[in-house]
Amino acid sequence: MESLPDSAGNARRTWLRAVETEPPAAQSDFERSAIWRGVFVAAFIVTVINIPVSPPTVQTRAPVRATV
């Protein structure tokens, strides 16, 4: 089977090499924004508030019925 002609092969390989050698971005602008940090601070506060220090002790008396 003959291979198909690839007129853009060299350009594609050059582009791929350039993309592979670029250093990845450290953080996006969104991750550095005050809104993103505010979301994490709010989530932390809600989590801390909802974790009880000690569960309340409630003593209930269930009626005991005589079994036959």
N, C-alpha and C. Protein backbone atom coordinates (compact mmCIF):
# COMPACT_ATOMS: atom_id res chain seq x y z
N MET A 1 0.85 -1.17 0.00
CA MET A 1 0.00 0.00 0.00
C MET A 1 0.90 1.24 0.00
N GLU A 2 0.59 2.13 -0.87
CA GLU A 2 1.36 3.36 -0.95
C GLU A 2 0.86 4.36 0.09
N SER A 3 1.78 5.14 0.63
CA SER A 3 1.37 6.16 1.59
C SER A 3 0.82 7.37 0.84
N LEU A 4 -0.06 8.04 1.48
CA LEU A 4 -0.69 9.21 0.89
C LEU A 4 0.28 10.39 0.94
N PRO A 5 0.23 11.27 -0.02
CA PRO A 5 1.11 12.44 0.02
C PRO A 5 0.73 13.36 1.18
N ASP A 6 1.73 13.86 1.87
CA ASP A 6 1.50 14.74 3.02
C ASP A 6 2.20 16.06 2.75
N SER A 7 1.45 17.02 2.24
CA SER A 7 2.05 18.30 1.88
C SER A 7 2.32 19.18 3.10
N ALA A 8 1.63 18.94 4.23
CA ALA A 8 1.81 19.77 5.42
C ALA A 8 2.60 19.05 6.50
N GLY A 9 3.20 17.93 6.18
CA GLY A 9 3.90 17.13 7.18
C GLY A 9 5.05 17.85 7.86
N ASN A 10 5.90 18.51 7.07
CA ASN A 10 7.04 19.20 7.66
C ASN A 10 6.59 20.36 8.54
N ALA A 11 5.60 21.10 8.10
CA ALA A 11 5.10 22.23 8.89
C ALA A 11 4.46 21.72 10.18
N ARG A 12 3.75 20.62 10.10
CA ARG A 12 3.10 20.06 11.29
C ARG A 12 4.14 19.57 12.29
N ARG A 13 5.19 18.90 11.82
CA ARG A 13 6.24 18.43 12.72
C ARG A 13 6.99 19.60 13.36
N THR A 14 7.23 20.65 12.61
CA THR A 14 7.89 21.84 13.15
C THR A 14 7.02 22.49 14.22
N TRP A 15 5.72 22.61 13.95
CA TRP A 15 4.81 23.18 14.93
C TRP A 15 4.76 22.32 16.18
N LEU A 16 4.71 21.00 16.03
CA LEU A 16 4.63 20.10 17.17
C LEU A 16 5.89 20.20 18.03
N ARG A 17 7.05 20.30 17.41
CA ARG A 17 8.29 20.46 18.18
C ARG A 17 8.28 21.77 18.96
N ALA A 18 7.79 22.83 18.34
CA ALA A 18 7.73 24.12 19.02
C ALA A 18 6.78 24.08 20.21
N VAL A 19 5.65 23.40 20.05
CA VAL A 19 4.69 23.30 21.15
C VAL A 19 5.25 22.45 22.28
N GLU A 20 5.97 21.39 21.95
CA GLU A 20 6.51 20.51 22.98
C GLU A 20 7.65 21.16 23.76
N THR A 21 8.37 22.09 23.18
CA THR A 21 9.50 22.70 23.87
C THR A 21 9.12 23.93 24.69
N GLU A 22 7.89 24.45 24.52
CA GLU A 22 7.46 25.60 25.31
C GLU A 22 7.27 25.19 26.76
N PRO A 23 7.74 26.02 27.70
CA PRO A 23 7.47 25.70 29.11
C PRO A 23 5.99 25.92 29.42
N PRO A 24 5.41 25.07 30.25
CA PRO A 24 3.99 25.24 30.58
C PRO A 24 3.78 26.50 31.42
N ALA A 25 2.61 27.08 31.29
CA ALA A 25 2.28 28.27 32.07
C ALA A 25 2.14 27.89 33.53
N ALA A 26 2.69 28.69 34.42
CA ALA A 26 2.66 28.37 35.85
C ALA A 26 1.24 28.50 36.40
N GLN A 27 0.62 29.62 36.20
CA GLN A 27 -0.74 29.85 36.67
C GLN A 27 -1.46 30.75 35.67
N SER A 28 -2.75 30.54 35.60
CA SER A 28 -3.53 31.43 34.76
C SER A 28 -3.87 32.70 35.55
N ASP A 29 -4.35 33.70 34.86
CA ASP A 29 -4.73 34.94 35.53
C ASP A 29 -5.90 34.70 36.48
N PHE A 30 -6.78 33.76 36.12
CA PHE A 30 -7.92 33.47 36.98
C PHE A 30 -7.47 32.88 38.31
N GLU A 31 -6.47 31.98 38.28
CA GLU A 31 -6.01 31.35 39.51
C GLU A 31 -5.33 32.35 40.43
N ARG A 32 -4.80 33.42 39.90
CA ARG A 32 -4.16 34.44 40.71
C ARG A 32 -5.12 35.53 41.14
N SER A 33 -6.37 35.46 40.73
CA SER A 33 -7.31 36.55 41.01
C SER A 33 -7.81 36.50 42.45
N ALA A 34 -8.28 37.64 42.91
CA ALA A 34 -8.79 37.75 44.27
C ALA A 34 -10.09 36.97 44.43
N ILE A 35 -10.86 36.86 43.38
CA ILE A 35 -12.12 36.10 43.46
C ILE A 35 -11.84 34.63 43.74
N TRP A 36 -10.87 34.06 43.06
CA TRP A 36 -10.52 32.65 43.25
C TRP A 36 -10.06 32.40 44.68
N ARG A 37 -9.24 33.28 45.21
CA ARG A 37 -8.78 33.14 46.60
C ARG A 37 -9.93 33.33 47.56
N GLY A 38 -10.83 34.26 47.25
CA GLY A 38 -11.99 34.49 48.10
C GLY A 38 -12.90 33.26 48.17
N VAL A 39 -13.03 32.54 47.07
CA VAL A 39 -13.83 31.32 47.07
C VAL A 39 -13.24 30.30 48.03
N PHE A 40 -11.93 30.14 48.01
CA PHE A 40 -11.29 29.18 48.91
C PHE A 40 -11.38 29.62 50.37
N VAL A 41 -11.24 30.91 50.63
CA VAL A 41 -11.37 31.40 52.00
C VAL A 41 -12.79 31.18 52.50
N ALA A 42 -13.79 31.47 51.68
CA ALA A 42 -15.19 31.26 52.07
C ALA A 42 -15.47 29.78 52.31
N ALA A 43 -14.95 28.91 51.46
CA ALA A 43 -15.15 27.47 51.65
C ALA A 43 -14.51 27.00 52.95
N PHE A 44 -13.33 27.53 53.25
CA PHE A 44 -12.66 27.16 54.49
C PHE A 44 -13.47 27.61 55.70
N ILE A 45 -13.99 28.83 55.67
CA ILE A 45 -14.77 29.34 56.79
C ILE A 45 -16.04 28.52 56.99
N VAL A 46 -16.73 28.21 55.90
CA VAL A 46 -17.96 27.40 56.00
C VAL A 46 -17.64 26.02 56.55
N THR A 47 -16.53 25.44 56.13
CA THR A 47 -16.14 24.12 56.63
C THR A 47 -15.84 24.17 58.12
N VAL A 48 -15.10 25.17 58.55
CA VAL A 48 -14.75 25.28 59.97
C VAL A 48 -15.99 25.50 60.82
N ILE A 49 -16.92 26.30 60.34
CA ILE A 49 -18.15 26.57 61.10
C ILE A 49 -19.00 25.30 61.22
N ASN A 50 -19.03 24.50 60.18
CA ASN A 50 -19.91 23.33 60.17
C ASN A 50 -19.33 22.11 60.87
N ILE A 51 -18.09 22.14 61.24
CA ILE A 51 -17.52 21.01 61.97
C ILE A 51 -17.75 21.25 63.46
N PRO A 52 -18.60 20.46 64.07
CA PRO A 52 -18.88 20.69 65.49
C PRO A 52 -17.69 20.25 66.35
N VAL A 53 -17.49 20.96 67.44
CA VAL A 53 -16.41 20.62 68.36
C VAL A 53 -16.72 19.30 69.05
N SER A 54 -17.88 19.20 69.60
CA SER A 54 -18.32 17.93 70.19
C SER A 54 -19.82 17.80 69.91
N PRO A 55 -20.25 16.62 69.55
CA PRO A 55 -21.67 16.46 69.24
C PRO A 55 -22.51 16.63 70.51
N PRO A 56 -23.66 17.24 70.40
CA PRO A 56 -24.51 17.41 71.59
C PRO A 56 -25.03 16.06 72.06
N THR A 57 -25.08 15.92 73.37
CA THR A 57 -25.59 14.67 73.93
C THR A 57 -27.06 14.87 74.29
N VAL A 58 -27.87 14.10 73.66
CA VAL A 58 -29.31 14.18 73.89
C VAL A 58 -29.75 12.83 74.41
N GLN A 59 -30.31 12.86 75.61
CA GLN A 59 -30.78 11.61 76.19
C GLN A 59 -32.30 11.52 75.98
N THR A 60 -32.69 10.49 75.32
CA THR A 60 -34.11 10.30 75.11
C THR A 60 -34.51 8.99 75.76
N ARG A 61 -35.71 8.94 76.19
CA ARG A 61 -36.23 7.72 76.80
C ARG A 61 -37.29 7.17 75.87
N ALA A 62 -36.98 6.03 75.35
CA ALA A 62 -37.96 5.39 74.49
C ALA A 62 -38.90 4.55 75.35
N PRO A 63 -40.17 4.58 75.07
CA PRO A 63 -41.10 3.76 75.86
C PRO A 63 -40.83 2.27 75.64
N VAL A 64 -40.76 1.56 76.72
CA VAL A 64 -40.51 0.12 76.65
C VAL A 64 -41.84 -0.58 76.84
N ARG A 65 -42.15 -1.40 75.87
CA ARG A 65 -43.41 -2.13 75.95
C ARG A 65 -43.12 -3.58 76.31
N ALA A 66 -44.00 -4.13 77.03
CA ALA A 66 -43.84 -5.52 77.42
C ALA A 66 -44.05 -6.41 76.21
N THR A 67 -43.18 -7.36 76.05
CA THR A 67 -43.33 -8.29 74.96
C THR A 67 -44.00 -9.54 75.45
N VAL A 68 -44.79 -10.16 74.62
CA VAL A 68 -45.54 -11.34 75.01
C VAL A 68 -44.87 -12.57 74.48
